[in-house]
């Protein structure tokens, strides 16, 4: 999707669930947004990655 100088992309990913048994995945939707100026990429935004706490440090 694009409007003016901003292009937005949405995609689905299957991500390993860190709290479940190995091989257990969940769906996650991720985005990227770009600002284009004079045919060149000048800015990029995407989602941040939030990692679960490590076991023994507030984790399970």
PDB file of N, CA and C in Angstrom:
ATOM      1  N   UNK A   1       0.854  -1.142   0.000  1.00  0.00           N
ATOM      2  CA  UNK A   1       0.000   0.000   0.000  1.00  0.00           C
ATOM      3  C   UNK A   1       0.917   1.226   0.000  1.00  0.00           C
ATOM      4  N   UNK A   2       0.537   2.260  -0.731  1.00  0.00           N
ATOM      5  CA  UNK A   2       1.362   3.461  -0.798  1.00  0.00           C
ATOM      6  C   UNK A   2       0.479   4.704  -0.829  1.00  0.00           C
ATOM      7  N   UNK A   3       0.981   5.752  -0.217  1.00  0.00           N
ATOM      8  CA  UNK A   3       0.320   7.049  -0.284  1.00  0.00           C
ATOM      9  C   UNK A   3       1.395   8.119  -0.212  1.00  0.00           C
ATOM     10  N   UNK A   4       1.378   9.014  -1.188  1.00  0.00           N
ATOM     11  CA  UNK A   4       2.395  10.069  -1.305  1.00  0.00           C
ATOM     12  C   UNK A   4       3.781   9.427  -1.318  1.00  0.00           C
ATOM     13  N   UNK A   5       4.621   9.749  -0.331  1.00  0.00           N
ATOM     14  CA  UNK A   5       5.990   9.221  -0.326  1.00  0.00           C
ATOM     15  C   UNK A   5       6.188   8.070   0.661  1.00  0.00           C
ATOM     16  N   UNK A   6       5.091   7.526   1.208  1.00  0.00           N
ATOM     17  CA  UNK A   6       5.168   6.429   2.181  1.00  0.00           C
ATOM     18  C   UNK A   6       4.665   5.133   1.544  1.00  0.00           C
ATOM     19  N   UNK A   7       5.438   4.060   1.704  1.00  0.00           N
ATOM     20  CA  UNK A   7       5.050   2.724   1.251  1.00  0.00           C
ATOM     21  C   UNK A   7       4.986   1.837   2.488  1.00  0.00           C
ATOM     22  N   UNK A   8       3.897   1.084   2.620  1.00  0.00           N
ATOM     23  CA  UNK A   8       3.667   0.248   3.792  1.00  0.00           C
ATOM     24  C   UNK A   8       3.490  -1.195   3.341  1.00  0.00           C
ATOM     25  N   UNK A   9       4.184  -2.128   4.007  1.00  0.00           N
ATOM     26  CA  UNK A   9       4.066  -3.555   3.676  1.00  0.00           C
ATOM     27  C   UNK A   9       3.715  -4.324   4.950  1.00  0.00           C
ATOM     28  N   UNK A  10       2.767  -5.240   4.835  1.00  0.00           N
ATOM     29  CA  UNK A  10       2.351  -6.093   5.943  1.00  0.00           C
ATOM     30  C   UNK A  10       2.566  -7.538   5.525  1.00  0.00           C
ATOM     31  N   UNK A  11       3.144  -8.342   6.424  1.00  0.00           N
ATOM     32  CA  UNK A  11       3.396  -9.744   6.088  1.00  0.00           C
ATOM     33  C   UNK A  11       3.134 -10.622   7.311  1.00  0.00           C
ATOM     34  N   UNK A  12       2.806 -11.875   7.037  1.00  0.00           N
ATOM     35  CA  UNK A  12       2.545 -12.842   8.102  1.00  0.00           C
ATOM     36  C   UNK A  12       3.776 -13.721   8.286  1.00  0.00           C
ATOM     37  N   UNK A  13       4.106 -14.008   9.548  1.00  0.00           N
ATOM     38  CA  UNK A  13       5.231 -14.895   9.855  1.00  0.00           C
ATOM     39  C   UNK A  13       4.769 -15.932  10.873  1.00  0.00           C
ATOM     40  N   UNK A  14       5.319 -17.125  10.792  1.00  0.00           N
ATOM     41  CA  UNK A  14       5.102 -18.158  11.803  1.00  0.00           C
ATOM     42  C   UNK A  14       6.330 -18.153  12.704  1.00  0.00           C
ATOM     43  N   UNK A  15       6.109 -17.871  13.983  1.00  0.00           N
ATOM     44  CA  UNK A  15       7.197 -17.659  14.933  1.00  0.00           C
ATOM     45  C   UNK A  15       7.178 -18.756  15.995  1.00  0.00           C
ATOM     46  N   UNK A  16       8.352 -19.286  16.336  1.00  0.00           N
ATOM     47  CA  UNK A  16       8.478 -20.287  17.404  1.00  0.00           C
ATOM     48  C   UNK A  16       7.981 -19.681  18.709  1.00  0.00           C
ATOM     49  N   UNK A  17       7.102 -20.377  19.398  1.00  0.00           N
ATOM     50  CA  UNK A  17       6.591 -19.921  20.687  1.00  0.00           C
ATOM     51  C   UNK A  17       7.607 -20.279  21.761  1.00  0.00           C
ATOM     52  N   UNK A  18       8.247 -19.278  22.396  1.00  0.00           N
ATOM     53  CA  UNK A  18       9.284 -19.572  23.393  1.00  0.00           C
ATOM     54  C   UNK A  18       8.730 -20.146  24.693  1.00  0.00           C
ATOM     55  N   UNK A  19       7.415 -20.089  24.884  1.00  0.00           N
ATOM     56  CA  UNK A  19       6.822 -20.592  26.126  1.00  0.00           C
ATOM     57  C   UNK A  19       6.187 -21.963  25.956  1.00  0.00           C
ATOM     58  N   UNK A  20       6.259 -22.528  24.744  1.00  0.00           N
ATOM     59  CA  UNK A  20       5.606 -23.813  24.463  1.00  0.00           C
ATOM     60  C   UNK A  20       6.640 -24.855  24.052  1.00  0.00           C
ATOM     61  N   UNK A  21       6.155 -26.053  23.810  1.00  0.00           N
ATOM     62  CA  UNK A  21       7.026 -27.161  23.390  1.00  0.00           C
ATOM     63  C   UNK A  21       7.701 -26.833  22.056  1.00  0.00           C
ATOM     64  N   UNK A  22       8.913 -27.356  21.841  1.00  0.00           N
ATOM     65  CA  UNK A  22       9.593 -27.137  20.558  1.00  0.00           C
ATOM     66  C   UNK A  22       8.692 -27.546  19.394  1.00  0.00           C
ATOM     67  N   UNK A  23       8.740 -26.767  18.344  1.00  0.00           N
ATOM     68  CA  UNK A  23       7.914 -27.041  17.175  1.00  0.00           C
ATOM     69  C   UNK A  23       6.539 -26.399  17.241  1.00  0.00           C
ATOM     70  N   UNK A  24       6.275 -25.650  18.329  1.00  0.00           N
ATOM     71  CA  UNK A  24       5.002 -24.946  18.464  1.00  0.00           C
ATOM     72  C   UNK A  24       5.183 -23.516  17.974  1.00  0.00           C
ATOM     73  N   UNK A  25       4.373 -23.133  17.018  1.00  0.00           N
ATOM     74  CA  UNK A  25       4.492 -21.813  16.412  1.00  0.00           C
ATOM     75  C   UNK A  25       3.193 -21.032  16.576  1.00  0.00           C
ATOM     76  N   UNK A  26       3.287 -19.728  16.437  1.00  0.00           N
ATOM     77  CA  UNK A  26       2.101 -18.883  16.400  1.00  0.00           C
ATOM     78  C   UNK A  26       2.242 -17.909  15.241  1.00  0.00           C
ATOM     79  N   UNK A  27       1.095 -17.384  14.773  1.00  0.00           N
ATOM     80  CA  UNK A  27       1.096 -16.419  13.680  1.00  0.00           C
ATOM     81  C   UNK A  27       1.395 -15.040  14.222  1.00  0.00           C
ATOM     82  N   UNK A  28       2.212 -14.306  13.496  1.00  0.00           N
ATOM     83  CA  UNK A  28       2.521 -12.936  13.871  1.00  0.00           C
ATOM     84  C   UNK A  28       2.477 -12.102  12.600  1.00  0.00           C
ATOM     85  N   UNK A  29       1.897 -10.932  12.684  1.00  0.00           N
ATOM     86  CA  UNK A  29       1.864 -10.033  11.541  1.00  0.00           C
ATOM     87  C   UNK A  29       2.899  -8.948  11.765  1.00  0.00           C
ATOM     88  N   UNK A  30       3.720  -8.716  10.765  1.00  0.00           N
ATOM     89  CA  UNK A  30       4.824  -7.756  10.856  1.00  0.00           C
ATOM     90  C   UNK A  30       4.641  -6.685   9.795  1.00  0.00           C
ATOM     91  N   UNK A  31       5.186  -5.509  10.065  1.00  0.00           N
ATOM     92  CA  UNK A  31       5.064  -4.440   9.085  1.00  0.00           C
ATOM     93  C   UNK A  31       6.406  -3.770   8.824  1.00  0.00           C
ATOM     94  N   UNK A  32       6.492  -3.166   7.675  1.00  0.00           N
ATOM     95  CA  UNK A  32       7.595  -2.281   7.312  1.00  0.00           C
ATOM     96  C   UNK A  32       6.976  -1.062   6.647  1.00  0.00           C
ATOM     97  N   UNK A  33       7.507   0.101   6.934  1.00  0.00           N
ATOM     98  CA  UNK A  33       7.077   1.331   6.278  1.00  0.00           C
ATOM     99  C   UNK A  33       8.331   2.041   5.781  1.00  0.00           C
ATOM    100  N   UNK A  34       8.236   2.589   4.595  1.00  0.00           N
ATOM    101  CA  UNK A  34       9.377   3.243   3.961  1.00  0.00           C
ATOM    102  C   UNK A  34       8.967   4.619   3.466  1.00  0.00           C
ATOM    103  N   UNK A  35       9.878   5.573   3.548  1.00  0.00           N
ATOM    104  CA  UNK A  35       9.683   6.875   2.913  1.00  0.00           C
ATOM    105  C   UNK A  35      10.636   6.926   1.721  1.00  0.00           C
ATOM    106  N   UNK A  36      10.065   7.247   0.566  1.00  0.00           N
ATOM    107  CA  UNK A  36      10.830   7.312  -0.678  1.00  0.00           C
ATOM    108  C   UNK A  36      10.928   8.776  -1.105  1.00  0.00           C
ATOM    109  N   UNK A  37      12.118   9.232  -1.452  1.00  0.00           N
ATOM    110  CA  UNK A  37      12.304  10.596  -1.953  1.00  0.00           C
ATOM    111  C   UNK A  37      13.247  10.542  -3.147  1.00  0.00           C
ATOM    112  N   UNK A  38      12.828  11.116  -4.247  1.00  0.00           N
ATOM    113  CA  UNK A  38      13.625  11.133  -5.484  1.00  0.00           C
ATOM    114  C   UNK A  38      14.058   9.728  -5.893  1.00  0.00           C
ATOM    115  N   UNK A  39      13.160   8.756  -5.707  1.00  0.00           N
ATOM    116  CA  UNK A  39      13.439   7.386  -6.117  1.00  0.00           C
ATOM    117  C   UNK A  39      14.369   6.622  -5.194  1.00  0.00           C
ATOM    118  N   UNK A  40      14.687   7.200  -4.027  1.00  0.00           N
ATOM    119  CA  UNK A  40      15.601   6.540  -3.085  1.00  0.00           C
ATOM    120  C   UNK A  40      14.929   6.363  -1.728  1.00  0.00           C
ATOM    121  N   UNK A  41      15.295   5.274  -1.065  1.00  0.00           N
ATOM    122  CA  UNK A  41      14.808   5.010   0.284  1.00  0.00           C
ATOM    123  C   UNK A  41      15.513   5.967   1.242  1.00  0.00           C
ATOM    124  N   UNK A  42      14.733   6.785   1.979  1.00  0.00           N
ATOM    125  CA  UNK A  42      15.347   7.732   2.909  1.00  0.00           C
ATOM    126  C   UNK A  42      15.019   7.427   4.373  1.00  0.00           C
ATOM    127  N   UNK A  43      13.942   6.656   4.618  1.00  0.00           N
ATOM    128  CA  UNK A  43      13.610   6.257   5.986  1.00  0.00           C
ATOM    129  C   UNK A  43      12.972   4.878   5.969  1.00  0.00           C
ATOM    130  N   UNK A  44      13.131   4.150   7.084  1.00  0.00           N
ATOM    131  CA  UNK A  44      12.527   2.824   7.233  1.00  0.00           C
ATOM    132  C   UNK A  44      12.084   2.656   8.678  1.00  0.00           C
ATOM    133  N   UNK A  45      10.861   2.157   8.852  1.00  0.00           N
ATOM    134  CA  UNK A  45      10.352   1.824  10.182  1.00  0.00           C
ATOM    135  C   UNK A  45       9.854   0.391  10.144  1.00  0.00           C
ATOM    136  N   UNK A  46      10.007  -0.302  11.262  1.00  0.00           N
ATOM    137  CA  UNK A  46       9.432  -1.640  11.380  1.00  0.00           C
ATOM    138  C   UNK A  46       9.096  -1.892  12.839  1.00  0.00           C
ATOM    139  N   UNK A  47       8.558  -3.053  13.096  1.00  0.00           N
ATOM    140  CA  UNK A  47       8.168  -3.379  14.462  1.00  0.00           C
ATOM    141  C   UNK A  47       9.388  -3.731  15.303  1.00  0.00           C
ATOM    142  N   UNK A  48       9.320  -3.456  16.588  1.00  0.00           N
ATOM    143  CA  UNK A  48      10.385  -3.849  17.491  1.00  0.00           C
ATOM    144  C   UNK A  48      10.235  -5.305  17.885  1.00  0.00           C
ATOM    145  N   UNK A  49      11.312  -5.920  18.251  1.00  0.00           N
ATOM    146  CA  UNK A  49      11.301  -7.315  18.690  1.00  0.00           C
ATOM    147  C   UNK A  49      11.333  -7.335  20.205  1.00  0.00           C
ATOM    148  N   UNK A  50      10.340  -7.935  20.820  1.00  0.00           N
ATOM    149  CA  UNK A  50      10.301  -8.063  22.274  1.00  0.00           C
ATOM    150  C   UNK A  50      10.599  -9.509  22.614  1.00  0.00           C
ATOM    151  N   UNK A  51      11.721  -9.744  23.269  1.00  0.00           N
ATOM    152  CA  UNK A  51      12.122 -11.096  23.644  1.00  0.00           C
ATOM    153  C   UNK A  51      11.631 -11.411  25.051  1.00  0.00           C
ATOM    154  N   UNK A  52      11.244 -12.648  25.313  1.00  0.00           N
ATOM    155  CA  UNK A  52      10.821 -13.024  26.661  1.00  0.00           C
ATOM    156  C   UNK A  52      12.024 -13.014  27.602  1.00  0.00           C
ATOM    157  N   UNK A  53      11.778 -12.841  28.916  1.00  0.00           N
ATOM    158  CA  UNK A  53      12.894 -12.877  29.865  1.00  0.00           C
ATOM    159  C   UNK A  53      13.563 -14.247  29.867  1.00  0.00           C
ATOM    160  N   UNK A  54      14.852 -14.256  30.120  1.00  0.00           N
ATOM    161  CA  UNK A  54      15.602 -15.513  30.190  1.00  0.00           C
ATOM    162  C   UNK A  54      15.178 -16.282  31.443  1.00  0.00           C
ATOM    163  N   UNK A  55      15.125 -17.611  31.386  1.00  0.00           N
ATOM    164  CA  UNK A  55      14.783 -18.396  32.577  1.00  0.00           C
ATOM    165  C   UNK A  55      15.718 -18.056  33.738  1.00  0.00           C
ATOM    166  N   UNK A  56      15.148 -17.928  34.924  1.00  0.00           N
ATOM    167  CA  UNK A  56      15.943 -17.612  36.108  1.00  0.00           C
ATOM    168  C   UNK A  56      16.126 -16.118  36.310  1.00  0.00           C
ATOM    169  N   UNK A  57      15.646 -15.318  35.373  1.00  0.00           N
ATOM    170  CA  UNK A  57      15.750 -13.860  35.492  1.00  0.00           C
ATOM    171  C   UNK A  57      14.365 -13.248  35.305  1.00  0.00           C
ATOM    172  N   UNK A  58      13.435 -13.732  36.074  1.00  0.00           N
ATOM    173  CA  UNK A  58      12.066 -13.251  35.965  1.00  0.00           C
ATOM    174  C   UNK A  58      11.237 -14.100  35.022  1.00  0.00           C
ATOM    175  N   UNK A  59      11.885 -15.072  34.377  1.00  0.00           N
ATOM    176  CA  UNK A  59      11.157 -15.980  33.493  1.00  0.00           C
ATOM    177  C   UNK A  59      10.645 -17.169  34.277  1.00  0.00           C
ATOM    178  N   UNK A  60      10.249 -18.194  33.579  1.00  0.00           N
ATOM    179  CA  UNK A  60       9.700 -19.374  34.246  1.00  0.00           C
ATOM    180  C   UNK A  60      10.783 -20.354  34.596  1.00  0.00           C
TER     181      UNK A  60
END
